[in-house]
N, C-alpha and C. Protein backbone atom coordinates (compact mmCIF):
# COMPACT_ATOMS: atom_id res chain seq x y z
N MET A 1 -20.68 -165.36 -55.77
CA MET A 1 -21.22 -164.03 -55.84
C MET A 1 -20.73 -163.17 -54.69
N ILE A 2 -20.53 -163.77 -53.53
CA ILE A 2 -20.06 -163.01 -52.38
C ILE A 2 -18.65 -162.51 -52.64
N LEU A 3 -17.79 -163.38 -53.12
CA LEU A 3 -16.41 -162.98 -53.40
C LEU A 3 -16.38 -161.90 -54.47
N GLN A 4 -17.20 -162.02 -55.48
CA GLN A 4 -17.25 -161.01 -56.54
C GLN A 4 -17.66 -159.66 -55.97
N TYR A 5 -18.64 -159.65 -55.09
CA TYR A 5 -19.07 -158.40 -54.46
C TYR A 5 -17.92 -157.79 -53.66
N LEU A 6 -17.23 -158.61 -52.90
CA LEU A 6 -16.12 -158.11 -52.08
C LEU A 6 -14.99 -157.56 -52.95
N ILE A 7 -14.72 -158.21 -54.06
CA ILE A 7 -13.68 -157.74 -54.98
C ILE A 7 -14.11 -156.41 -55.61
N ASP A 8 -15.37 -156.32 -55.99
CA ASP A 8 -15.87 -155.10 -56.63
C ASP A 8 -15.91 -153.91 -55.69
N THR A 9 -15.92 -154.16 -54.39
CA THR A 9 -16.01 -153.07 -53.42
C THR A 9 -14.71 -152.89 -52.64
N VAL A 10 -13.60 -153.27 -53.21
CA VAL A 10 -12.30 -153.14 -52.54
C VAL A 10 -12.08 -151.68 -52.15
N GLY A 11 -11.66 -151.49 -50.91
CA GLY A 11 -11.35 -150.16 -50.43
C GLY A 11 -12.53 -149.39 -49.89
N ARG A 12 -13.71 -149.96 -49.97
CA ARG A 12 -14.90 -149.30 -49.44
C ARG A 12 -15.43 -150.09 -48.26
N GLU A 13 -16.08 -149.39 -47.37
CA GLU A 13 -16.74 -150.08 -46.26
C GLU A 13 -17.97 -150.80 -46.78
N PHE A 14 -18.26 -151.91 -46.15
CA PHE A 14 -19.48 -152.61 -46.52
C PHE A 14 -20.03 -153.27 -45.27
N SER A 15 -21.26 -153.68 -45.35
CA SER A 15 -21.89 -154.36 -44.23
C SER A 15 -22.58 -155.61 -44.74
N ALA A 16 -22.91 -156.47 -43.82
CA ALA A 16 -23.64 -157.69 -44.19
C ALA A 16 -24.97 -157.31 -44.84
N LYS A 17 -25.58 -156.27 -44.34
CA LYS A 17 -26.86 -155.82 -44.88
C LYS A 17 -26.72 -155.43 -46.36
N ASN A 18 -25.65 -154.73 -46.70
CA ASN A 18 -25.42 -154.34 -48.10
C ASN A 18 -25.22 -155.55 -49.00
N ILE A 19 -24.46 -156.53 -48.52
CA ILE A 19 -24.21 -157.73 -49.31
C ILE A 19 -25.51 -158.50 -49.52
N ILE A 20 -26.30 -158.62 -48.47
CA ILE A 20 -27.56 -159.35 -48.58
C ILE A 20 -28.50 -158.65 -49.55
N LYS A 21 -28.56 -157.31 -49.52
CA LYS A 21 -29.38 -156.57 -50.48
C LYS A 21 -28.91 -156.83 -51.91
N TYR A 22 -27.59 -156.82 -52.11
CA TYR A 22 -27.03 -157.09 -53.43
C TYR A 22 -27.43 -158.48 -53.91
N LEU A 23 -27.31 -159.47 -53.05
CA LEU A 23 -27.66 -160.84 -53.43
C LEU A 23 -29.15 -160.98 -53.71
N GLU A 24 -29.97 -160.27 -52.97
CA GLU A 24 -31.42 -160.32 -53.22
C GLU A 24 -31.75 -159.75 -54.60
N LYS A 25 -31.02 -158.72 -55.02
CA LYS A 25 -31.23 -158.17 -56.36
C LYS A 25 -30.85 -159.19 -57.43
N GLU A 26 -29.93 -160.09 -57.09
CA GLU A 26 -29.50 -161.15 -58.00
C GLU A 26 -30.34 -162.42 -57.81
N TYR A 27 -31.44 -162.30 -57.06
CA TYR A 27 -32.36 -163.40 -56.79
C TYR A 27 -31.72 -164.54 -56.01
N LYS A 28 -30.84 -164.20 -55.09
CA LYS A 28 -30.20 -165.18 -54.20
C LYS A 28 -30.59 -164.84 -52.77
N LYS A 29 -30.91 -165.84 -51.98
CA LYS A 29 -31.24 -165.62 -50.57
C LYS A 29 -30.16 -166.24 -49.72
N ILE A 30 -29.78 -165.52 -48.67
CA ILE A 30 -28.77 -166.00 -47.75
C ILE A 30 -29.04 -165.37 -46.38
N SER A 31 -28.79 -166.12 -45.34
CA SER A 31 -28.96 -165.56 -44.01
C SER A 31 -27.68 -164.82 -43.60
N THR A 32 -27.82 -163.93 -42.65
CA THR A 32 -26.67 -163.18 -42.16
C THR A 32 -25.63 -164.13 -41.57
N GLU A 33 -26.09 -165.14 -40.84
CA GLU A 33 -25.18 -166.11 -40.23
C GLU A 33 -24.38 -166.86 -41.30
N THR A 34 -25.04 -167.28 -42.37
CA THR A 34 -24.36 -167.98 -43.46
C THR A 34 -23.36 -167.07 -44.14
N LEU A 35 -23.75 -165.82 -44.34
CA LEU A 35 -22.85 -164.85 -44.96
C LEU A 35 -21.57 -164.70 -44.15
N TYR A 36 -21.71 -164.54 -42.83
CA TYR A 36 -20.53 -164.41 -41.97
C TYR A 36 -19.67 -165.68 -42.01
N THR A 37 -20.31 -166.83 -42.12
CA THR A 37 -19.56 -168.09 -42.23
C THR A 37 -18.75 -168.12 -43.51
N TYR A 38 -19.33 -167.69 -44.62
CA TYR A 38 -18.61 -167.64 -45.90
C TYR A 38 -17.46 -166.65 -45.85
N ILE A 39 -17.69 -165.48 -45.29
CA ILE A 39 -16.63 -164.47 -45.19
C ILE A 39 -15.49 -164.99 -44.31
N ASP A 40 -15.83 -165.64 -43.22
CA ASP A 40 -14.81 -166.23 -42.35
C ASP A 40 -14.00 -167.29 -43.08
N ALA A 41 -14.68 -168.12 -43.88
CA ALA A 41 -13.98 -169.15 -44.65
C ALA A 41 -13.03 -168.52 -45.67
N LEU A 42 -13.45 -167.43 -46.32
CA LEU A 42 -12.57 -166.73 -47.27
C LEU A 42 -11.35 -166.15 -46.56
N CYS A 43 -11.54 -165.67 -45.35
CA CYS A 43 -10.40 -165.15 -44.57
C CYS A 43 -9.45 -166.28 -44.18
N LYS A 44 -9.98 -167.39 -43.72
CA LYS A 44 -9.14 -168.52 -43.32
C LYS A 44 -8.38 -169.11 -44.49
N ALA A 45 -8.96 -169.02 -45.68
CA ALA A 45 -8.29 -169.53 -46.89
C ALA A 45 -7.31 -168.50 -47.46
N LEU A 46 -7.18 -167.37 -46.77
CA LEU A 46 -6.27 -166.28 -47.16
C LEU A 46 -6.63 -165.69 -48.53
N ILE A 47 -7.90 -165.72 -48.87
CA ILE A 47 -8.37 -165.13 -50.11
C ILE A 47 -8.67 -163.65 -49.89
N ILE A 48 -9.23 -163.34 -48.73
CA ILE A 48 -9.47 -161.95 -48.35
C ILE A 48 -8.94 -161.74 -46.94
N ARG A 49 -8.86 -160.47 -46.54
CA ARG A 49 -8.42 -160.15 -45.19
C ARG A 49 -9.29 -159.02 -44.67
N LYS A 50 -9.76 -159.18 -43.44
CA LYS A 50 -10.56 -158.14 -42.82
C LYS A 50 -9.64 -157.02 -42.35
N ILE A 51 -10.05 -155.82 -42.63
CA ILE A 51 -9.36 -154.63 -42.14
C ILE A 51 -10.39 -153.85 -41.33
N TYR A 52 -10.07 -153.63 -40.09
CA TYR A 52 -11.00 -152.92 -39.23
C TYR A 52 -10.76 -151.42 -39.31
N ARG A 53 -11.83 -150.70 -39.35
CA ARG A 53 -11.76 -149.25 -39.44
C ARG A 53 -11.24 -148.67 -38.14
N GLU A 54 -10.38 -147.73 -38.26
CA GLU A 54 -9.84 -147.06 -37.08
C GLU A 54 -10.56 -145.72 -36.95
N ASN A 55 -11.15 -145.50 -35.80
CA ASN A 55 -11.81 -144.22 -35.56
C ASN A 55 -10.78 -143.18 -35.21
N LYS A 56 -10.76 -142.12 -35.98
CA LYS A 56 -9.81 -141.05 -35.75
C LYS A 56 -10.51 -139.87 -35.12
N LYS A 57 -9.87 -139.30 -34.14
CA LYS A 57 -10.39 -138.09 -33.52
C LYS A 57 -9.55 -136.92 -34.02
N TRP A 58 -10.20 -135.93 -34.54
CA TRP A 58 -9.49 -134.77 -35.08
C TRP A 58 -9.39 -133.70 -34.06
C-alpha cells in the first residue's frame, strides 16, 4: 500500500503524516518509524528515489 501511494503521488510533495492518514483510511496502522524504514528499503532496492526540494529565492 505504501508503494502504491508513492506511485499515485508521483511529482507531488508528500509527508509521512499524509501517508499515515491514507493508510488509516484503508484501516491499516503503521508507526512513523516503520514507515521511514519501508521507504528507506524501497530506496535501497532502487524502486524509488528521494528527491529533495530545493528552496528557491526569487
